[in-house]
Amino acid sequence: MAFKLTVLGCNSAIPTVERHPTAQLLNANERFFLIDCGEGTQVQLRKYQLSYQRIGHIFISHLHGDHYFGLIGLISSMHLLGRNKDLHIYAHQQLKAIIDLQLAASNTELNFPLFFHSIADDKEQLLFEDEAISVRNVLLNHSLKCSGFIFQEKKSRRKILKDKVEKYNIPFEKYNAIKDGSDWLDGSGNMIVNNEITIENTSAHSYAFCTDTMYNEALIKKIKGVDLLYHEATFKKELSERAKETGHSTTFDAATIAKKAEVKNLLIGHFSQRYRNLDELLIETKETFKNTYLAESGLTLDFNKLYS
């Protein structure tokens, strides 16, 4: 099953011609989650041929404009393109008033149901869950209330070995129990252990999105061992004081958190527009944490093919 992340924007507050503000699209087994929605997000979705209408849930980390200024445009385009299925937005409460005002000012009555789910300023909780995945917020340390998000895929049921179940004449109606780990007692009273008739399915993937934040060791235990950590790296390490002043992190900060949390892979982004050559930031980060990717627009990471 698919578990892929596409970077739509990677810059900090000021966009450049080549780099848009923060936005990412996570495809979790054909469930599409948009994470932040900076200016130009809908253009990026079109550029990379990603459907607006398949997005069911949008998570906004905080209310600095480079993380949500693209939202009303995206909602409007969904409306104009005839969307009729539900859209769920998860954000701090003030955003609902902003969106309501923008819709009212343009006399827009949406064709589709829009549901707003408030993220608490000072609380970490389960935001979304279905049979395949859960999403929780984690508190970040920024200049205003800000949350990251942890996407945790649920463990897949075991795969049945067709030749084995046929060999033991196991009825079809017992397959669900066997997928859940049950053994099989045949007609002669012989116990067939589950490991003989099934194998492990694909491992459950996990993704932690930690945008605008200062170095924060409280994150370490919360993101421990995730497959991929996105951590902002706005500045090179020589500007550590500037990072603290603005509520941001350096390459060294991001790499240190990744190393201490024993994550498998690190993705850095939210780059200051002062940097023209992003390879400088990647090289510096890799000095501390080798398995690092650079969040550049259009990058798609398949979790089944990440560094191990």
Protein backbone atom coordinates (compact mmCIF):
# COMPACT_ATOMS: atom_id res chain seq x y z
CA MET A 1 0.00 0.00 0.00
CA ALA A 2 1.12 3.55 -0.69
CA PHE A 3 2.70 5.72 1.98
CA LYS A 4 4.29 8.71 0.27
CA LEU A 5 5.08 12.32 1.14
CA THR A 6 5.29 15.06 -1.49
CA VAL A 7 6.87 18.42 -0.67
CA LEU A 8 4.93 21.33 -2.17
CA GLY A 9 6.75 24.16 -0.42
CA CYS A 10 9.92 24.37 1.66
CA ASN A 11 10.71 28.05 2.27
CA SER A 12 10.17 30.15 5.37
CA ALA A 13 8.15 33.39 5.53
CA ILE A 14 9.29 34.97 2.26
CA PRO A 15 8.83 32.87 -0.90
CA THR A 16 11.26 32.93 -3.78
CA VAL A 17 10.69 32.24 -7.47
CA GLU A 18 11.93 28.67 -6.96
CA ARG A 19 10.70 27.98 -3.44
CA HIS A 20 7.17 28.25 -2.04
CA PRO A 21 6.19 28.45 1.67
CA THR A 22 5.43 25.35 3.69
CA ALA A 23 3.02 22.73 2.39
CA GLN A 24 3.19 18.93 2.13
CA LEU A 25 0.84 16.19 0.93
CA LEU A 26 0.86 12.79 2.62
CA ASN A 27 -0.69 9.85 0.80
CA ALA A 28 -1.39 7.24 3.46
CA ASN A 29 -2.93 4.28 1.67
CA GLU A 30 -4.97 6.59 -0.60
CA ARG A 31 -6.01 8.83 2.28
CA PHE A 32 -4.71 12.29 1.42
CA PHE A 33 -3.63 14.66 4.18
CA LEU A 34 -2.48 18.21 3.42
CA ILE A 35 -0.05 19.52 6.02
CA ASP A 36 0.10 23.32 6.12
CA CYS A 37 -1.05 25.39 3.18
CA GLY A 38 1.27 28.28 2.41
CA GLU A 39 0.72 30.72 -0.42
CA GLY A 40 0.72 28.99 -3.81
CA THR A 41 -0.16 25.54 -2.54
CA GLN A 42 -2.94 24.97 -5.06
CA VAL A 43 -0.60 25.94 -7.91
CA GLN A 44 1.92 23.41 -6.63
CA LEU A 45 -0.75 20.72 -6.44
CA ARG A 46 -1.55 21.38 -10.10
CA LYS A 47 2.10 21.49 -11.08
CA TYR A 48 2.75 18.03 -9.63
CA GLN A 49 -0.59 16.65 -10.85
CA LEU A 50 -2.01 16.01 -7.39
CA SER A 51 -5.79 16.17 -7.10
CA TYR A 52 -7.39 18.85 -4.91
CA GLN A 53 -10.48 16.79 -4.50
CA ARG A 54 -8.81 13.73 -3.01
CA ILE A 55 -7.66 15.76 -0.01
CA GLY A 56 -9.94 14.95 2.91
CA HIS A 57 -8.09 16.47 5.86
CA ILE A 58 -5.96 19.61 6.21
CA PHE A 59 -3.71 20.20 9.22
CA ILE A 60 -2.45 23.74 9.91
CA SER A 61 0.42 24.01 12.37
CA HIS A 62 0.00 27.67 13.37
CA LEU A 63 -1.23 31.05 12.20
CA HIS A 64 1.84 32.63 10.69
CA GLY A 65 0.82 33.42 7.13
CA ASP A 66 3.41 31.29 5.39
CA HIS A 67 1.61 28.24 6.80
CA TYR A 68 -2.00 29.07 5.88
CA PHE A 69 -2.28 31.97 3.38
CA GLY A 70 -3.01 29.47 0.60
CA LEU A 71 -5.97 27.90 2.38
CA ILE A 72 -8.84 30.16 1.32
CA GLY A 73 -7.73 29.94 -2.31
CA LEU A 74 -7.64 26.17 -2.16
CA ILE A 75 -11.07 25.98 -0.53
CA SER A 76 -12.47 28.36 -3.16
CA SER A 77 -11.04 26.27 -6.01
CA MET A 78 -12.45 23.08 -4.51
CA HIS A 79 -15.84 24.82 -4.45
CA LEU A 80 -15.59 26.11 -8.02
CA LEU A 81 -14.57 22.68 -9.27
CA GLY A 82 -17.76 21.16 -7.86
CA ARG A 83 -16.53 19.41 -4.77
CA ASN A 84 -19.33 17.79 -2.77
CA LYS A 85 -17.53 15.59 -0.24
CA ASP A 86 -16.58 16.61 3.29
CA LEU A 87 -13.43 18.59 4.04
CA HIS A 88 -11.96 18.62 7.56
CA ILE A 89 -9.62 21.35 8.79
CA TYR A 90 -7.58 20.98 12.00
CA ALA A 91 -6.14 24.25 13.30
CA HIS A 92 -6.10 26.73 16.16
CA GLN A 93 -9.51 28.25 16.82
CA GLN A 94 -8.78 31.71 15.38
CA LEU A 95 -8.48 30.26 11.88
CA LYS A 96 -12.19 29.37 11.78
CA ALA A 97 -13.12 33.04 12.22
CA ILE A 98 -10.69 34.01 9.46
CA ILE A 99 -12.09 31.48 6.98
CA ASP A 100 -15.69 32.30 7.90
CA LEU A 101 -15.00 36.02 7.32
CA GLN A 102 -13.35 35.38 3.95
CA LEU A 103 -16.25 33.24 2.78
CA ALA A 104 -18.82 35.75 4.02
CA ALA A 105 -17.02 38.70 2.40
CA SER A 106 -17.17 36.98 -0.99
CA ASN A 107 -20.76 35.83 -0.43
CA THR A 108 -19.63 32.22 -0.92
CA GLU A 109 -21.80 29.33 0.18
CA LEU A 110 -19.73 26.20 -0.26
CA ASN A 111 -21.05 23.24 -2.21
CA PHE A 112 -19.49 20.87 0.28
CA PRO A 113 -19.57 20.39 4.06
CA LEU A 114 -16.61 22.08 5.78
CA PHE A 115 -15.80 20.87 9.29
CA PHE A 116 -13.41 22.74 11.58
CA HIS A 117 -11.63 20.91 14.40
CA SER A 118 -9.90 23.12 16.95
CA ILE A 119 -6.35 22.34 18.09
CA ALA A 120 -5.81 23.23 21.73
CA ASP A 121 -3.16 25.85 22.48
CA ASP A 122 -1.56 23.90 25.30
CA LYS A 123 -2.68 20.30 24.93
CA GLU A 124 -1.56 17.27 22.94
CA GLN A 125 -4.31 14.96 21.80
CA LEU A 126 -5.60 12.58 19.18
CA LEU A 127 -6.93 14.66 16.28
CA PHE A 128 -7.98 11.98 13.80
CA GLU A 129 -8.24 8.21 13.71
CA ASP A 130 -9.69 5.57 11.44
CA GLU A 131 -8.97 1.90 10.88
CA ALA A 132 -5.70 2.64 9.06
CA ILE A 133 -4.02 5.67 10.66
CA SER A 134 -4.02 8.05 13.60
CA VAL A 135 -2.90 11.69 13.82
CA ARG A 136 -1.81 13.43 17.01
CA ASN A 137 -0.49 16.92 17.62
CA VAL A 138 2.70 17.73 19.50
CA LEU A 139 3.41 21.12 21.05
CA LEU A 140 6.28 23.05 19.50
CA ASN A 141 8.29 25.94 20.93
CA HIS A 142 7.74 28.90 18.62
CA SER A 143 6.92 32.60 18.92
CA LEU A 144 3.19 31.81 18.98
CA LYS A 145 1.09 28.70 19.60
CA CYS A 146 2.26 26.01 17.22
CA SER A 147 1.73 22.27 16.86
CA GLY A 148 3.48 19.57 14.93
CA PHE A 149 1.75 16.37 13.86
CA ILE A 150 2.54 12.67 14.18
CA PHE A 151 0.99 10.37 11.59
CA GLN A 152 1.05 6.76 12.77
CA GLU A 153 -0.08 4.01 10.44
CA LYS A 154 -1.74 1.11 12.19
CA LYS A 155 -0.17 -2.30 11.98
CA SER A 156 -1.51 -4.30 9.06
CA ARG A 157 -3.18 -7.64 9.65
CA ARG A 158 -1.14 -10.71 8.81
CA LYS A 159 -1.09 -12.05 5.25
CA ILE A 160 -2.60 -15.48 4.65
CA LEU A 161 -0.49 -18.03 2.79
CA LYS A 162 -2.88 -19.35 0.18
CA ASP A 163 -1.18 -22.71 -0.32
CA LYS A 164 -1.20 -23.35 3.45
CA VAL A 165 -4.87 -22.56 4.06
CA GLU A 166 -5.77 -24.75 1.11
CA LYS A 167 -3.57 -27.55 2.42
CA TYR A 168 -5.39 -27.52 5.77
CA ASN A 169 -8.84 -26.94 4.23
CA ILE A 170 -9.44 -23.85 6.34
CA PRO A 171 -12.91 -22.35 5.64
CA PHE A 172 -13.04 -18.85 4.18
CA GLU A 173 -15.12 -17.55 7.08
CA LYS A 174 -12.16 -18.21 9.43
CA TYR A 175 -9.74 -16.04 7.44
CA ASN A 176 -10.41 -12.82 9.37
CA ALA A 177 -9.60 -14.44 12.71
CA ILE A 178 -6.44 -15.96 11.25
CA LYS A 179 -5.37 -12.58 9.85
CA ASP A 180 -5.75 -11.25 13.39
CA GLY A 181 -3.37 -13.94 14.70
CA SER A 182 -5.57 -16.90 15.62
CA ASP A 183 -4.28 -20.46 15.30
CA TRP A 184 -6.30 -23.17 13.52
CA LEU A 185 -7.58 -26.40 15.05
CA ASP A 186 -8.23 -28.89 12.27
CA GLY A 187 -10.87 -31.65 12.20
CA SER A 188 -8.45 -34.15 13.74
CA GLY A 189 -7.68 -31.93 16.72
CA ASN A 190 -4.26 -30.85 15.45
CA MET A 191 -3.26 -27.29 16.25
CA ILE A 192 -1.83 -25.36 13.28
CA VAL A 193 0.02 -22.34 14.65
CA ASN A 194 -0.60 -19.00 13.00
CA ASN A 195 3.01 -18.53 11.90
CA GLU A 196 2.68 -21.57 9.66
CA ILE A 197 -0.31 -20.24 7.73
CA THR A 198 0.42 -16.48 7.68
CA ILE A 199 3.31 -14.05 7.35
CA GLU A 200 3.85 -10.53 8.65
CA ASN A 201 2.39 -7.80 6.48
CA THR A 202 4.24 -4.60 5.63
CA SER A 203 5.46 -2.69 8.68
CA ALA A 204 3.45 0.29 9.92
CA HIS A 205 4.92 3.62 8.84
CA SER A 206 5.24 6.76 10.95
CA TYR A 207 5.84 10.41 10.10
CA ALA A 208 6.48 13.35 12.42
CA PHE A 209 6.03 16.88 11.08
CA CYS A 210 7.74 19.47 13.26
CA THR A 211 7.75 22.84 11.62
CA ASP A 212 8.47 26.21 13.27
CA THR A 213 10.18 25.52 16.58
CA MET A 214 13.28 26.27 18.58
CA TYR A 215 15.47 23.40 19.72
CA ASN A 216 13.19 21.45 22.02
CA GLU A 217 14.31 18.25 23.74
CA ALA A 218 10.75 17.64 24.95
CA LEU A 219 10.08 16.39 21.42
CA ILE A 220 12.56 13.53 21.65
CA LYS A 221 10.47 10.95 23.49
CA LYS A 222 7.35 11.87 21.47
CA ILE A 223 8.93 11.24 18.07
CA LYS A 224 11.20 8.39 19.15
CA GLY A 225 12.08 6.05 16.30
CA VAL A 226 9.75 7.43 13.62
CA ASP A 227 10.48 6.44 10.04
CA LEU A 228 10.75 10.07 8.94
CA LEU A 229 11.04 13.29 10.89
CA TYR A 230 10.46 16.62 9.20
CA HIS A 231 12.20 19.25 11.30
CA GLU A 232 12.64 22.85 10.33
CA ALA A 233 16.20 24.06 9.74
CA THR A 234 15.69 27.72 8.93
CA PHE A 235 19.31 28.71 9.49
CA LYS A 236 22.83 27.32 9.33
CA LYS A 237 24.41 26.69 12.72
CA GLU A 238 26.45 29.91 12.62
CA LEU A 239 23.15 31.81 13.11
CA SER A 240 22.09 29.99 16.26
CA GLU A 241 21.39 33.25 18.10
CA ARG A 242 19.21 34.49 15.26
CA ALA A 243 17.33 31.19 15.38
CA LYS A 244 16.59 31.63 19.08
CA GLU A 245 15.48 35.24 18.58
CA THR A 246 12.95 34.25 15.93
CA GLY A 247 11.76 30.95 17.44
CA HIS A 248 13.46 28.75 14.89
CA SER A 249 16.11 26.04 14.58
CA THR A 250 19.44 25.56 12.86
CA THR A 251 20.69 22.61 10.85
CA PHE A 252 22.57 21.43 13.91
CA ASP A 253 19.44 21.68 16.08
CA ALA A 254 17.41 19.57 13.66
CA ALA A 255 20.14 16.96 13.28
CA THR A 256 20.65 16.73 17.05
CA ILE A 257 16.95 16.15 17.71
CA ALA A 258 16.90 13.46 14.99
CA LYS A 259 19.96 11.76 16.44
CA LYS A 260 18.73 11.81 20.04
CA ALA A 261 15.27 10.59 19.02
CA GLU A 262 16.84 7.76 17.01
CA VAL A 263 14.61 8.47 14.04
CA LYS A 264 15.36 6.55 10.87
CA ASN A 265 15.39 9.52 8.50
CA LEU A 266 15.35 13.31 8.67
CA LEU A 267 13.84 15.81 6.23
CA ILE A 268 14.88 19.44 6.71
CA GLY A 269 12.99 22.47 5.43
CA HIS A 270 11.57 25.94 6.14
CA PHE A 271 14.70 27.55 4.74
CA SER A 272 15.50 31.23 5.08
CA GLN A 273 15.35 33.04 1.74
CA ARG A 274 18.93 34.21 2.35
CA TYR A 275 20.21 30.80 1.22
CA ARG A 276 20.50 30.34 -2.53
CA ASN A 277 22.37 27.03 -2.40
CA LEU A 278 20.43 24.66 -0.14
CA ASP A 279 23.13 22.00 -0.44
CA GLU A 280 25.06 23.98 2.16
CA LEU A 281 22.35 23.23 4.72
CA LEU A 282 22.15 19.58 3.72
CA ILE A 283 25.91 19.07 4.04
CA GLU A 284 25.96 20.75 7.45
CA THR A 285 23.05 18.65 8.72
CA LYS A 286 24.62 15.40 7.50
CA GLU A 287 27.69 16.10 9.61
CA THR A 288 25.55 15.13 12.62
CA PHE A 289 22.79 12.98 11.07
CA LYS A 290 23.66 11.09 7.89
CA ASN A 291 20.21 9.96 6.72
CA THR A 292 18.99 13.45 5.84
CA TYR A 293 16.94 14.63 2.88
CA LEU A 294 16.47 18.19 1.63
CA ALA A 295 12.83 19.30 1.37
CA GLU A 296 12.71 20.73 -2.14
CA SER A 297 9.48 21.39 -4.02
CA GLY A 298 8.37 18.31 -5.94
CA LEU A 299 10.34 15.85 -3.85
CA THR A 300 8.33 12.68 -3.23
CA LEU A 301 9.52 10.26 -0.58
CA ASP A 302 8.23 6.68 -0.69
CA PHE A 303 8.41 5.33 2.86
CA ASN A 304 9.07 1.84 1.50
CA LYS A 305 12.29 3.13 -0.09
CA LEU A 306 13.72 5.37 2.61
CA TYR A 307 17.19 4.88 4.04
CA SER A 308 17.16 2.08 6.60
